[in-house]
PDB file of N, CA and C in Angstrom:
ATOM      1  N   MET A   1     -15.877   9.590 -29.736  1.00  0.00           N
ATOM      2  CA  MET A   1     -15.950   8.171 -29.475  1.00  0.00           C
ATOM      3  C   MET A   1     -16.704   7.928 -28.164  1.00  0.00           C
ATOM      4  N   SER A   2     -17.544   6.952 -28.163  1.00  0.00           N
ATOM      5  CA  SER A   2     -18.374   6.666 -27.002  1.00  0.00           C
ATOM      6  C   SER A   2     -17.577   5.994 -25.885  1.00  0.00           C
ATOM      7  N   THR A   3     -17.944   6.311 -24.656  1.00  0.00           N
ATOM      8  CA  THR A   3     -17.277   5.671 -23.530  1.00  0.00           C
ATOM      9  C   THR A   3     -18.251   4.846 -22.703  1.00  0.00           C
ATOM     10  N   GLY A   4     -19.501   4.796 -23.115  1.00  0.00           N
ATOM     11  CA  GLY A   4     -20.489   4.035 -22.365  1.00  0.00           C
ATOM     12  C   GLY A   4     -21.328   3.170 -23.276  1.00  0.00           C
ATOM     13  N   VAL A   5     -22.308   2.523 -22.683  1.00  0.00           N
ATOM     14  CA  VAL A   5     -23.215   1.663 -23.423  1.00  0.00           C
ATOM     15  C   VAL A   5     -24.451   2.481 -23.777  1.00  0.00           C
ATOM     16  N   ILE A   6     -24.832   2.457 -25.048  1.00  0.00           N
ATOM     17  CA  ILE A   6     -25.969   3.228 -25.541  1.00  0.00           C
ATOM     18  C   ILE A   6     -27.158   2.288 -25.709  1.00  0.00           C
ATOM     19  N   THR A   7     -28.315   2.666 -25.174  1.00  0.00           N
ATOM     20  CA  THR A   7     -29.535   1.886 -25.347  1.00  0.00           C
ATOM     21  C   THR A   7     -30.222   2.354 -26.625  1.00  0.00           C
ATOM     22  N   ILE A   8     -30.539   1.400 -27.510  1.00  0.00           N
ATOM     23  CA  ILE A   8     -31.172   1.745 -28.786  1.00  0.00           C
ATOM     24  C   ILE A   8     -32.427   0.903 -29.020  1.00  0.00           C
ATOM     25  N   THR A   9     -33.183   1.315 -30.052  1.00  0.00           N
ATOM     26  CA  THR A   9     -34.397   0.606 -30.463  1.00  0.00           C
ATOM     27  C   THR A   9     -34.282   0.258 -31.947  1.00  0.00           C
ATOM     28  N   ASP A  10     -35.287  -0.449 -32.458  1.00  0.00           N
ATOM     29  CA  ASP A  10     -35.325  -0.793 -33.881  1.00  0.00           C
ATOM     30  C   ASP A  10     -35.132   0.447 -34.756  1.00  0.00           C
ATOM     31  N   THR A  11     -35.787   1.545 -34.399  1.00  0.00           N
ATOM     32  CA  THR A  11     -35.740   2.746 -35.238  1.00  0.00           C
ATOM     33  C   THR A  11     -34.360   3.403 -35.250  1.00  0.00           C
ATOM     34  N   GLU A  12     -33.559   3.177 -34.244  1.00  0.00           N
ATOM     35  CA  GLU A  12     -32.226   3.770 -34.167  1.00  0.00           C
ATOM     36  C   GLU A  12     -31.130   2.835 -34.688  1.00  0.00           C
ATOM     37  N   PHE A  13     -31.472   1.594 -34.972  1.00  0.00           N
ATOM     38  CA  PHE A  13     -30.471   0.593 -35.322  1.00  0.00           C
ATOM     39  C   PHE A  13     -29.651   0.981 -36.553  1.00  0.00           C
ATOM     40  N   GLU A  14     -30.321   1.445 -37.594  1.00  0.00           N
ATOM     41  CA  GLU A  14     -29.592   1.785 -38.816  1.00  0.00           C
ATOM     42  C   GLU A  14     -28.563   2.885 -38.555  1.00  0.00           C
ATOM     43  N   THR A  15     -28.977   3.940 -37.870  1.00  0.00           N
ATOM     44  CA  THR A  15     -28.077   5.065 -37.594  1.00  0.00           C
ATOM     45  C   THR A  15     -26.954   4.680 -36.642  1.00  0.00           C
ATOM     46  N   GLU A  16     -27.302   4.035 -35.528  1.00  0.00           N
ATOM     47  CA  GLU A  16     -26.325   3.750 -34.479  1.00  0.00           C
ATOM     48  C   GLU A  16     -25.411   2.567 -34.791  1.00  0.00           C
ATOM     49  N   VAL A  17     -25.895   1.614 -35.588  1.00  0.00           N
ATOM     50  CA  VAL A  17     -25.116   0.393 -35.839  1.00  0.00           C
ATOM     51  C   VAL A  17     -24.660   0.309 -37.294  1.00  0.00           C
ATOM     52  N   LEU A  18     -25.590   0.262 -38.206  1.00  0.00           N
ATOM     53  CA  LEU A  18     -25.244   0.021 -39.612  1.00  0.00           C
ATOM     54  C   LEU A  18     -24.438   1.161 -40.227  1.00  0.00           C
ATOM     55  N   LYS A  19     -24.687   2.396 -39.786  1.00  0.00           N
ATOM     56  CA  LYS A  19     -23.970   3.549 -40.347  1.00  0.00           C
ATOM     57  C   LYS A  19     -22.861   4.055 -39.427  1.00  0.00           C
ATOM     58  N   SER A  20     -22.543   3.307 -38.398  1.00  0.00           N
ATOM     59  CA  SER A  20     -21.502   3.721 -37.461  1.00  0.00           C
ATOM     60  C   SER A  20     -20.130   3.705 -38.127  1.00  0.00           C
ATOM     61  N   GLU A  21     -19.319   4.679 -37.783  1.00  0.00           N
ATOM     62  CA  GLU A  21     -17.949   4.709 -38.314  1.00  0.00           C
ATOM     63  C   GLU A  21     -17.056   3.722 -37.578  1.00  0.00           C
ATOM     64  N   GLN A  22     -17.464   3.304 -36.396  1.00  0.00           N
ATOM     65  CA  GLN A  22     -16.724   2.321 -35.596  1.00  0.00           C
ATOM     66  C   GLN A  22     -17.419   0.970 -35.690  1.00  0.00           C
ATOM     67  N   PRO A  23     -16.703  -0.122 -35.430  1.00  0.00           N
ATOM     68  CA  PRO A  23     -17.387  -1.404 -35.239  1.00  0.00           C
ATOM     69  C   PRO A  23     -18.331  -1.274 -34.037  1.00  0.00           C
ATOM     70  N   VAL A  24     -19.394  -2.066 -34.036  1.00  0.00           N
ATOM     71  CA  VAL A  24     -20.395  -1.987 -32.969  1.00  0.00           C
ATOM     72  C   VAL A  24     -20.671  -3.372 -32.405  1.00  0.00           C
ATOM     73  N   LEU A  25     -20.637  -3.478 -31.086  1.00  0.00           N
ATOM     74  CA  LEU A  25     -21.086  -4.692 -30.408  1.00  0.00           C
ATOM     75  C   LEU A  25     -22.528  -4.445 -29.979  1.00  0.00           C
ATOM     76  N   VAL A  26     -23.448  -5.250 -30.496  1.00  0.00           N
ATOM     77  CA  VAL A  26     -24.850  -5.135 -30.126  1.00  0.00           C
ATOM     78  C   VAL A  26     -25.140  -6.206 -29.078  1.00  0.00           C
ATOM     79  N   TYR A  27     -25.602  -5.758 -27.930  1.00  0.00           N
ATOM     80  CA  TYR A  27     -25.932  -6.646 -26.820  1.00  0.00           C
ATOM     81  C   TYR A  27     -27.449  -6.735 -26.730  1.00  0.00           C
ATOM     82  N   PHE A  28     -27.987  -7.896 -27.045  1.00  0.00           N
ATOM     83  CA  PHE A  28     -29.425  -8.139 -26.953  1.00  0.00           C
ATOM     84  C   PHE A  28     -29.736  -8.713 -25.575  1.00  0.00           C
ATOM     85  N   TRP A  29     -30.739  -8.155 -24.902  1.00  0.00           N
ATOM     86  CA  TRP A  29     -31.058  -8.558 -23.538  1.00  0.00           C
ATOM     87  C   TRP A  29     -32.568  -8.488 -23.318  1.00  0.00           C
ATOM     88  N   ALA A  30     -32.995  -8.974 -22.159  1.00  0.00           N
ATOM     89  CA  ALA A  30     -34.405  -8.894 -21.764  1.00  0.00           C
ATOM     90  C   ALA A  30     -34.489  -8.641 -20.270  1.00  0.00           C
ATOM     91  N   SER A  31     -35.498  -7.884 -19.866  1.00  0.00           N
ATOM     92  CA  SER A  31     -35.651  -7.536 -18.451  1.00  0.00           C
ATOM     93  C   SER A  31     -35.938  -8.765 -17.584  1.00  0.00           C
ATOM     94  N   TRP A  32     -36.529  -9.799 -18.177  1.00  0.00           N
ATOM     95  CA  TRP A  32     -36.881 -11.011 -17.440  1.00  0.00           C
ATOM     96  C   TRP A  32     -35.751 -12.038 -17.421  1.00  0.00           C
ATOM     97  N   CYS A  33     -34.633 -11.719 -18.034  1.00  0.00           N
ATOM     98  CA  CYS A  33     -33.525 -12.665 -18.218  1.00  0.00           C
ATOM     99  C   CYS A  33     -32.501 -12.542 -17.088  1.00  0.00           C
ATOM    100  N   GLY A  34     -32.421 -13.561 -16.245  1.00  0.00           N
ATOM    101  CA  GLY A  34     -31.460 -13.564 -15.140  1.00  0.00           C
ATOM    102  C   GLY A  34     -30.014 -13.447 -15.598  1.00  0.00           C
ATOM    103  N   PRO A  35     -29.567 -14.269 -16.550  1.00  0.00           N
ATOM    104  CA  PRO A  35     -28.185 -14.160 -17.030  1.00  0.00           C
ATOM    105  C   PRO A  35     -27.870 -12.784 -17.624  1.00  0.00           C
ATOM    106  N   CYS A  36     -28.877 -12.117 -18.193  1.00  0.00           N
ATOM    107  CA  CYS A  36     -28.649 -10.772 -18.746  1.00  0.00           C
ATOM    108  C   CYS A  36     -28.241  -9.800 -17.640  1.00  0.00           C
ATOM    109  N   LYS A  37     -28.864  -9.940 -16.470  1.00  0.00           N
ATOM    110  CA  LYS A  37     -28.515  -9.066 -15.340  1.00  0.00           C
ATOM    111  C   LYS A  37     -27.058  -9.273 -14.937  1.00  0.00           C
ATOM    112  N   LEU A  38     -26.580 -10.513 -15.034  1.00  0.00           N
ATOM    113  CA  LEU A  38     -25.188 -10.810 -14.700  1.00  0.00           C
ATOM    114  C   LEU A  38     -24.216 -10.222 -15.725  1.00  0.00           C
ATOM    115  N   MET A  39     -24.676 -10.011 -16.941  1.00  0.00           N
ATOM    116  CA  MET A  39     -23.811  -9.506 -18.008  1.00  0.00           C
ATOM    117  C   MET A  39     -23.583  -7.998 -17.922  1.00  0.00           C
ATOM    118  N   ALA A  40     -24.449  -7.274 -17.215  1.00  0.00           N
ATOM    119  CA  ALA A  40     -24.350  -5.805 -17.178  1.00  0.00           C
ATOM    120  C   ALA A  40     -22.957  -5.306 -16.792  1.00  0.00           C
ATOM    121  N   PRO A  41     -22.350  -5.786 -15.699  1.00  0.00           N
ATOM    122  CA  PRO A  41     -21.015  -5.290 -15.371  1.00  0.00           C
ATOM    123  C   PRO A  41     -19.957  -5.709 -16.398  1.00  0.00           C
ATOM    124  N   VAL A  42     -20.150  -6.848 -17.027  1.00  0.00           N
ATOM    125  CA  VAL A  42     -19.207  -7.320 -18.047  1.00  0.00           C
ATOM    126  C   VAL A  42     -19.277  -6.406 -19.271  1.00  0.00           C
ATOM    127  N   ILE A  43     -20.475  -6.020 -19.666  1.00  0.00           N
ATOM    128  CA  ILE A  43     -20.667  -5.111 -20.797  1.00  0.00           C
ATOM    129  C   ILE A  43     -20.033  -3.756 -20.494  1.00  0.00           C
ATOM    130  N   ASN A  44     -20.216  -3.274 -19.264  1.00  0.00           N
ATOM    131  CA  ASN A  44     -19.628  -1.984 -18.878  1.00  0.00           C
ATOM    132  C   ASN A  44     -18.096  -2.046 -18.912  1.00  0.00           C
ATOM    133  N   THR A  45     -17.522  -3.178 -18.500  1.00  0.00           N
ATOM    134  CA  THR A  45     -16.068  -3.353 -18.563  1.00  0.00           C
ATOM    135  C   THR A  45     -15.597  -3.317 -20.014  1.00  0.00           C
ATOM    136  N   ALA A  46     -16.317  -4.015 -20.877  1.00  0.00           N
ATOM    137  CA  ALA A  46     -15.961  -4.022 -22.296  1.00  0.00           C
ATOM    138  C   ALA A  46     -16.049  -2.611 -22.874  1.00  0.00           C
ATOM    139  N   ALA A  47     -17.079  -1.864 -22.488  1.00  0.00           N
ATOM    140  CA  ALA A  47     -17.231  -0.490 -22.975  1.00  0.00           C
ATOM    141  C   ALA A  47     -16.047   0.368 -22.545  1.00  0.00           C
ATOM    142  N   SER A  48     -15.578   0.177 -21.326  1.00  0.00           N
ATOM    143  CA  SER A  48     -14.427   0.933 -20.835  1.00  0.00           C
ATOM    144  C   SER A  48     -13.148   0.522 -21.564  1.00  0.00           C
ATOM    145  N   ASN A  49     -12.950  -0.783 -21.721  1.00  0.00           N
ATOM    146  CA  ASN A  49     -11.716  -1.293 -22.326  1.00  0.00           C
ATOM    147  C   ASN A  49     -11.580  -0.968 -23.811  1.00  0.00           C
ATOM    148  N   PHE A  50     -12.696  -0.914 -24.530  1.00  0.00           N
ATOM    149  CA  PHE A  50     -12.641  -0.765 -25.983  1.00  0.00           C
ATOM    150  C   PHE A  50     -13.234   0.554 -26.474  1.00  0.00           C
ATOM    151  N   SER A  51     -13.428   1.520 -25.584  1.00  0.00           N
ATOM    152  CA  SER A  51     -14.115   2.763 -25.952  1.00  0.00           C
ATOM    153  C   SER A  51     -13.441   3.518 -27.090  1.00  0.00           C
ATOM    154  N   ASP A  52     -12.151   3.310 -27.278  1.00  0.00           N
ATOM    155  CA  ASP A  52     -11.431   4.025 -28.333  1.00  0.00           C
ATOM    156  C   ASP A  52     -11.652   3.436 -29.725  1.00  0.00           C
ATOM    157  N   ARG A  53     -12.155   2.188 -29.804  1.00  0.00           N
ATOM    158  CA  ARG A  53     -12.286   1.573 -31.131  1.00  0.00           C
ATOM    159  C   ARG A  53     -13.538   0.733 -31.319  1.00  0.00           C
ATOM    160  N   LEU A  54     -14.483   0.835 -30.380  1.00  0.00           N
ATOM    161  CA  LEU A  54     -15.709   0.039 -30.474  1.00  0.00           C
ATOM    162  C   LEU A  54     -16.854   0.769 -29.802  1.00  0.00           C
ATOM    163  N   LYS A  55     -17.998   0.775 -30.472  1.00  0.00           N
ATOM    164  CA  LYS A  55     -19.221   1.298 -29.870  1.00  0.00           C
ATOM    165  C   LYS A  55     -19.987   0.099 -29.336  1.00  0.00           C
ATOM    166  N   ILE A  56     -20.557   0.235 -28.149  1.00  0.00           N
ATOM    167  CA  ILE A  56     -21.384  -0.839 -27.602  1.00  0.00           C
ATOM    168  C   ILE A  56     -22.795  -0.306 -27.390  1.00  0.00           C
ATOM    169  N   VAL A  57     -23.748  -1.031 -27.964  1.00  0.00           N
ATOM    170  CA  VAL A  57     -25.157  -0.672 -27.804  1.00  0.00           C
ATOM    171  C   VAL A  57     -25.897  -1.859 -27.212  1.00  0.00           C
ATOM    172  N   LYS A  58     -26.971  -1.556 -26.495  1.00  0.00           N
ATOM    173  CA  LYS A  58     -27.809  -2.647 -25.991  1.00  0.00           C
ATOM    174  C   LYS A  58     -29.227  -2.436 -26.461  1.00  0.00           C
ATOM    175  N   MET A  59     -29.866  -3.551 -26.746  1.00  0.00           N
ATOM    176  CA  MET A  59     -31.213  -3.523 -27.281  1.00  0.00           C
ATOM    177  C   MET A  59     -32.056  -4.571 -26.566  1.00  0.00           C
ATOM    178  N   GLU A  60     -33.154  -4.127 -25.987  1.00  0.00           N
ATOM    179  CA  GLU A  60     -34.076  -5.059 -25.324  1.00  0.00           C
ATOM    180  C   GLU A  60     -34.860  -5.797 -26.410  1.00  0.00           C
ATOM    181  N   VAL A  61     -34.916  -7.123 -26.306  1.00  0.00           N
ATOM    182  CA  VAL A  61     -35.484  -7.927 -27.393  1.00  0.00           C
ATOM    183  C   VAL A  61     -36.996  -7.771 -27.558  1.00  0.00           C
ATOM    184  N   ASP A  62     -37.749  -7.749 -26.472  1.00  0.00           N
ATOM    185  CA  ASP A  62     -39.211  -7.763 -26.588  1.00  0.00           C
ATOM    186  C   ASP A  62     -39.793  -6.564 -27.352  1.00  0.00           C
ATOM    187  N   PRO A  63     -39.362  -5.331 -27.085  1.00  0.00           N
ATOM    188  CA  PRO A  63     -39.931  -4.197 -27.829  1.00  0.00           C
ATOM    189  C   PRO A  63     -39.290  -3.947 -29.203  1.00  0.00           C
ATOM    190  N   ASN A  64     -38.328  -4.758 -29.597  1.00  0.00           N
ATOM    191  CA  ASN A  64     -37.600  -4.531 -30.852  1.00  0.00           C
ATOM    192  C   ASN A  64     -37.546  -5.773 -31.729  1.00  0.00           C
ATOM    193  N   PRO A  65     -38.712  -6.268 -32.158  1.00  0.00           N
ATOM    194  CA  PRO A  65     -38.749  -7.544 -32.885  1.00  0.00           C
ATOM    195  C   PRO A  65     -38.108  -7.515 -34.270  1.00  0.00           C
ATOM    196  N   LEU A  66     -38.051  -6.356 -34.905  1.00  0.00           N
ATOM    197  CA  LEU A  66     -37.495  -6.306 -36.267  1.00  0.00           C
ATOM    198  C   LEU A  66     -36.014  -6.652 -36.291  1.00  0.00           C
ATOM    199  N   THR A  67     -35.245  -6.018 -35.429  1.00  0.00           N
ATOM    200  CA  THR A  67     -33.802  -6.278 -35.390  1.00  0.00           C
ATOM    201  C   THR A  67     -33.518  -7.670 -34.845  1.00  0.00           C
ATOM    202  N   VAL A  68     -34.291  -8.086 -33.853  1.00  0.00           N
ATOM    203  CA  VAL A  68     -34.118  -9.422 -33.276  1.00  0.00           C
ATOM    204  C   VAL A  68     -34.298 -10.481 -34.366  1.00  0.00           C
ATOM    205  N   LYS A  69     -35.312 -10.309 -35.211  1.00  0.00           N
ATOM    206  CA  LYS A  69     -35.551 -11.261 -36.294  1.00  0.00           C
ATOM    207  C   LYS A  69     -34.441 -11.175 -37.344  1.00  0.00           C
ATOM    208  N   GLN A  70     -34.062  -9.955 -37.726  1.00  0.00           N
ATOM    209  CA  GLN A  70     -33.046  -9.764 -38.756  1.00  0.00           C
ATOM    210  C   GLN A  70     -31.715 -10.396 -38.364  1.00  0.00           C
ATOM    211  N   TYR A  71     -31.369 -10.306 -37.079  1.00  0.00           N
ATOM    212  CA  TYR A  71     -30.080 -10.834 -36.621  1.00  0.00           C
ATOM    213  C   TYR A  71     -30.212 -12.203 -35.970  1.00  0.00           C
ATOM    214  N   GLN A  72     -31.357 -12.833 -36.183  1.00  0.00           N
ATOM    215  CA  GLN A  72     -31.609 -14.215 -35.762  1.00  0.00           C
ATOM    216  C   GLN A  72     -31.227 -14.474 -34.309  1.00  0.00           C
ATOM    217  N   VAL A  73     -31.685 -13.579 -33.441  1.00  0.00           N
ATOM    218  CA  VAL A  73     -31.445 -13.755 -32.011  1.00  0.00           C
ATOM    219  C   VAL A  73     -32.448 -14.790 -31.504  1.00  0.00           C
ATOM    220  N   GLU A  74     -31.923 -15.902 -31.032  1.00  0.00           N
ATOM    221  CA  GLU A  74     -32.788 -16.980 -30.563  1.00  0.00           C
ATOM    222  C   GLU A  74     -32.806 -17.104 -29.053  1.00  0.00           C
ATOM    223  N   GLY A  75     -31.821 -16.541 -28.387  1.00  0.00           N
ATOM    224  CA  GLY A  75     -31.762 -16.573 -26.933  1.00  0.00           C
ATOM    225  C   GLY A  75     -31.022 -15.349 -26.439  1.00  0.00           C
ATOM    226  N   VAL A  76     -31.257 -15.006 -25.194  1.00  0.00           N
ATOM    227  CA  VAL A  76     -30.557 -13.865 -24.599  1.00  0.00           C
ATOM    228  C   VAL A  76     -29.828 -14.324 -23.348  1.00  0.00           C
ATOM    229  N   PRO A  77     -28.736 -13.685 -23.015  1.00  0.00           N
ATOM    230  CA  PRO A  77     -28.105 -12.590 -23.732  1.00  0.00           C
ATOM    231  C   PRO A  77     -27.496 -13.060 -25.056  1.00  0.00           C
ATOM    232  N   ALA A  78     -27.441 -12.128 -26.009  1.00  0.00           N
ATOM    233  CA  ALA A  78     -26.844 -12.416 -27.312  1.00  0.00           C
ATOM    234  C   ALA A  78     -25.989 -11.231 -27.733  1.00  0.00           C
ATOM    235  N   PHE A  79     -24.967 -11.520 -28.503  1.00  0.00           N
ATOM    236  CA  PHE A  79     -24.034 -10.484 -28.947  1.00  0.00           C
ATOM    237  C   PHE A  79     -23.820 -10.607 -30.440  1.00  0.00           C
ATOM    238  N   ARG A  80     -23.838  -9.464 -31.130  1.00  0.00           N
ATOM    239  CA  ARG A  80     -23.548  -9.412 -32.554  1.00  0.00           C
ATOM    240  C   ARG A  80     -22.522  -8.303 -32.763  1.00  0.00           C
ATOM    241  N   LEU A  81     -21.447  -8.623 -33.437  1.00  0.00           N
ATOM    242  CA  LEU A  81     -20.425  -7.637 -33.745  1.00  0.00           C
ATOM    243  C   LEU A  81     -20.583  -7.240 -35.209  1.00  0.00           C
ATOM    244  N   VAL A  82     -20.791  -5.938 -35.436  1.00  0.00           N
ATOM    245  CA  VAL A  82     -21.089  -5.423 -36.771  1.00  0.00           C
ATOM    246  C   VAL A  82     -20.054  -4.360 -37.144  1.00  0.00           C
ATOM    247  N   ARG A  83     -19.543  -4.463 -38.364  1.00  0.00           N
ATOM    248  CA  ARG A  83     -18.621  -3.442 -38.881  1.00  0.00           C
ATOM    249  C   ARG A  83     -19.060  -3.095 -40.300  1.00  0.00           C
ATOM    250  N   ASP A  84     -19.137  -1.806 -40.586  1.00  0.00           N
ATOM    251  CA  ASP A  84     -19.529  -1.331 -41.920  1.00  0.00           C
ATOM    252  C   ASP A  84     -20.830  -1.983 -42.389  1.00  0.00           C
ATOM    253  N   GLY A  85     -21.776  -2.153 -41.461  1.00  0.00           N
ATOM    254  CA  GLY A  85     -23.071  -2.724 -41.800  1.00  0.00           C
ATOM    255  C   GLY A  85     -23.093  -4.229 -41.981  1.00  0.00           C
ATOM    256  N   GLN A  86     -21.936  -4.879 -41.792  1.00  0.00           N
ATOM    257  CA  GLN A  86     -21.843  -6.330 -41.992  1.00  0.00           C
ATOM    258  C   GLN A  86     -21.647  -7.049 -40.664  1.00  0.00           C
ATOM    259  N   LEU A  87     -22.317  -8.172 -40.503  1.00  0.00           N
ATOM    260  CA  LEU A  87     -22.149  -8.990 -39.302  1.00  0.00           C
ATOM    261  C   LEU A  87     -20.792  -9.678 -39.353  1.00  0.00           C
ATOM    262  N   LEU A  88     -19.951  -9.416 -38.350  1.00  0.00           N
ATOM    263  CA  LEU A  88     -18.622 -10.039 -38.274  1.00  0.00           C
ATOM    264  C   LEU A  88     -18.634 -11.320 -37.466  1.00  0.00           C
ATOM    265  N   ALA A  89     -19.362 -11.284 -36.343  1.00  0.00           N
ATOM    266  CA  ALA A  89     -19.346 -12.428 -35.436  1.00  0.00           C
ATOM    267  C   ALA A  89     -20.587 -12.394 -34.552  1.00  0.00           C
ATOM    268  N   ALA A  90     -20.950 -13.554 -34.027  1.00  0.00           N
ATOM    269  CA  ALA A  90     -22.128 -13.663 -33.178  1.00  0.00           C
ATOM    270  C   ALA A  90     -21.900 -14.725 -32.116  1.00  0.00           C
ATOM    271  N   THR A  91     -22.478 -14.493 -30.955  1.00  0.00           N
ATOM    272  CA  THR A  91     -22.470 -15.495 -29.895  1.00  0.00           C
ATOM    273  C   THR A  91     -23.708 -15.278 -29.040  1.00  0.00           C
ATOM    274  N   GLU A  92     -24.191 -16.349 -28.432  1.00  0.00           N
ATOM    275  CA  GLU A  92     -25.358 -16.254 -27.561  1.00  0.00           C
ATOM    276  C   GLU A  92     -25.076 -16.963 -26.256  1.00  0.00           C
ATOM    277  N   GLY A  93     -25.728 -16.493 -25.220  1.00  0.00           N
ATOM    278  CA  GLY A  93     -25.573 -17.069 -23.892  1.00  0.00           C
ATOM    279  C   GLY A  93     -24.657 -16.220 -23.031  1.00  0.00           C
ATOM    280  N   ALA A  94     -24.820 -16.356 -21.733  1.00  0.00           N
ATOM    281  CA  ALA A  94     -23.982 -15.606 -20.793  1.00  0.00           C
ATOM    282  C   ALA A  94     -22.545 -16.100 -20.902  1.00  0.00           C
ATOM    283  N   ILE A  95     -21.621 -15.164 -20.975  1.00  0.00           N
ATOM    284  CA  ILE A  95     -20.206 -15.520 -21.029  1.00  0.00           C
ATOM    285  C   ILE A  95     -19.451 -14.648 -20.029  1.00  0.00           C
ATOM    286  N   GLY A  96     -18.348 -15.151 -19.563  1.00  0.00           N
ATOM    287  CA  GLY A  96     -17.550 -14.425 -18.588  1.00  0.00           C
ATOM    288  C   GLY A  96     -16.830 -13.242 -19.203  1.00  0.00           C
ATOM    289  N   LYS A  97     -16.296 -12.402 -18.334  1.00  0.00           N
ATOM    290  CA  LYS A  97     -15.612 -11.198 -18.786  1.00  0.00           C
ATOM    291  C   LYS A  97     -14.462 -11.511 -19.744  1.00  0.00           C
ATOM    292  N   GLU A  98     -13.616 -12.457 -19.367  1.00  0.00           N
ATOM    293  CA  GLU A  98     -12.461 -12.773 -20.212  1.00  0.00           C
ATOM    294  C   GLU A  98     -12.888 -13.295 -21.580  1.00  0.00           C
ATOM    295  N   LYS A  99     -13.921 -14.121 -21.596  1.00  0.00           N
ATOM    296  CA  LYS A  99     -14.387 -14.680 -22.866  1.00  0.00           C
ATOM    297  C   LYS A  99     -14.980 -13.585 -23.754  1.00  0.00           C
ATOM    298  N   LEU A 100     -15.737 -12.665 -23.171  1.00  0.00           N
ATOM    299  CA  LEU A 100     -16.304 -11.573 -23.957  1.00  0.00           C
ATOM    300  C   LEU A 100     -15.197 -10.670 -24.501  1.00  0.00           C
ATOM    301  N   LEU A 101     -14.242 -10.329 -23.658  1.00  0.00           N
ATOM    302  CA  LEU A 101     -13.144  -9.465 -24.095  1.00  0.00           C
ATOM    303  C   LEU A 101     -12.331 -10.153 -25.195  1.00  0.00           C
ATOM    304  N   SER A 102     -12.121 -11.452 -25.073  1.00  0.00           N
ATOM    305  CA  SER A 102     -11.413 -12.213 -26.108  1.00  0.00           C
ATOM    306  C   SER A 102     -12.198 -12.249 -27.411  1.00  0.00           C
ATOM    307  N   PHE A 103     -13.518 -12.442 -27.303  1.00  0.00           N
ATOM    308  CA  PHE A 103     -14.408 -12.443 -28.475  1.00  0.00           C
ATOM    309  C   PHE A 103     -14.284 -11.116 -29.224  1.00  0.00           C
ATOM    310  N   ILE A 104     -14.319 -10.020 -28.482  1.00  0.00           N
ATOM    311  CA  ILE A 104     -14.219  -8.694 -29.106  1.00  0.00           C
ATOM    312  C   ILE A 104     -12.837  -8.521 -29.736  1.00  0.00           C
ATOM    313  N   GLU A 105     -11.813  -8.800 -28.957  1.00  0.00           N
ATOM    314  CA  GLU A 105     -10.434  -8.603 -29.430  1.00  0.00           C
ATOM    315  C   GLU A 105     -10.153  -9.409 -30.699  1.00  0.00           C
ATOM    316  N   ALA A 106     -10.593 -10.660 -30.720  1.00  0.00           N
ATOM    317  CA  ALA A 106     -10.337 -11.534 -31.865  1.00  0.00           C
ATOM    318  C   ALA A 106     -11.012 -11.018 -33.133  1.00  0.00           C
ATOM    319  N   ASN A 107     -12.154 -10.368 -32.961  1.00  0.00           N
ATOM    320  CA  ASN A 107     -12.916  -9.925 -34.130  1.00  0.00           C
ATOM    321  C   ASN A 107     -12.661  -8.474 -34.522  1.00  0.00           C
ATOM    322  N   LEU A 108     -11.951  -7.735 -33.693  1.00  0.00           N
ATOM    323  CA  LEU A 108     -11.621  -6.357 -34.041  1.00  0.00           C
ATOM    324  C   LEU A 108     -10.343  -6.283 -34.870  1.00  0.00           C
ATOM    325  N   ASN A 109      -9.500  -7.291 -34.738  1.00  0.00           N
ATOM    326  CA  ASN A 109      -8.206  -7.255 -35.437  1.00  0.00           C
ATOM    327  C   ASN A 109      -8.277  -7.902 -36.811  1.00  0.00           C
TER     328      ASN A 109
END
């Protein structure tokens, strides 16, 4: 089970997300996005808190247009929760630690 955040690309998405045995939180971000920089410690906290039952991956939007289009990411930061290849939940925009942890918890149960 993963204990950190894994950086992936379009080519790794199927293996790391769609075929994952665990639910996966996909964090879409961009290097030019100020709110994305603020989310980094929040994502790391989520990775620590849920490492036993959730994989967290991050994907930069600009070099990965296929997945961004497929998951209809319109703004960053964006989050998609996927289980067994199916989208469970989605949210966009910077959110606080408690809200992100609640989002994950509500959709994992």
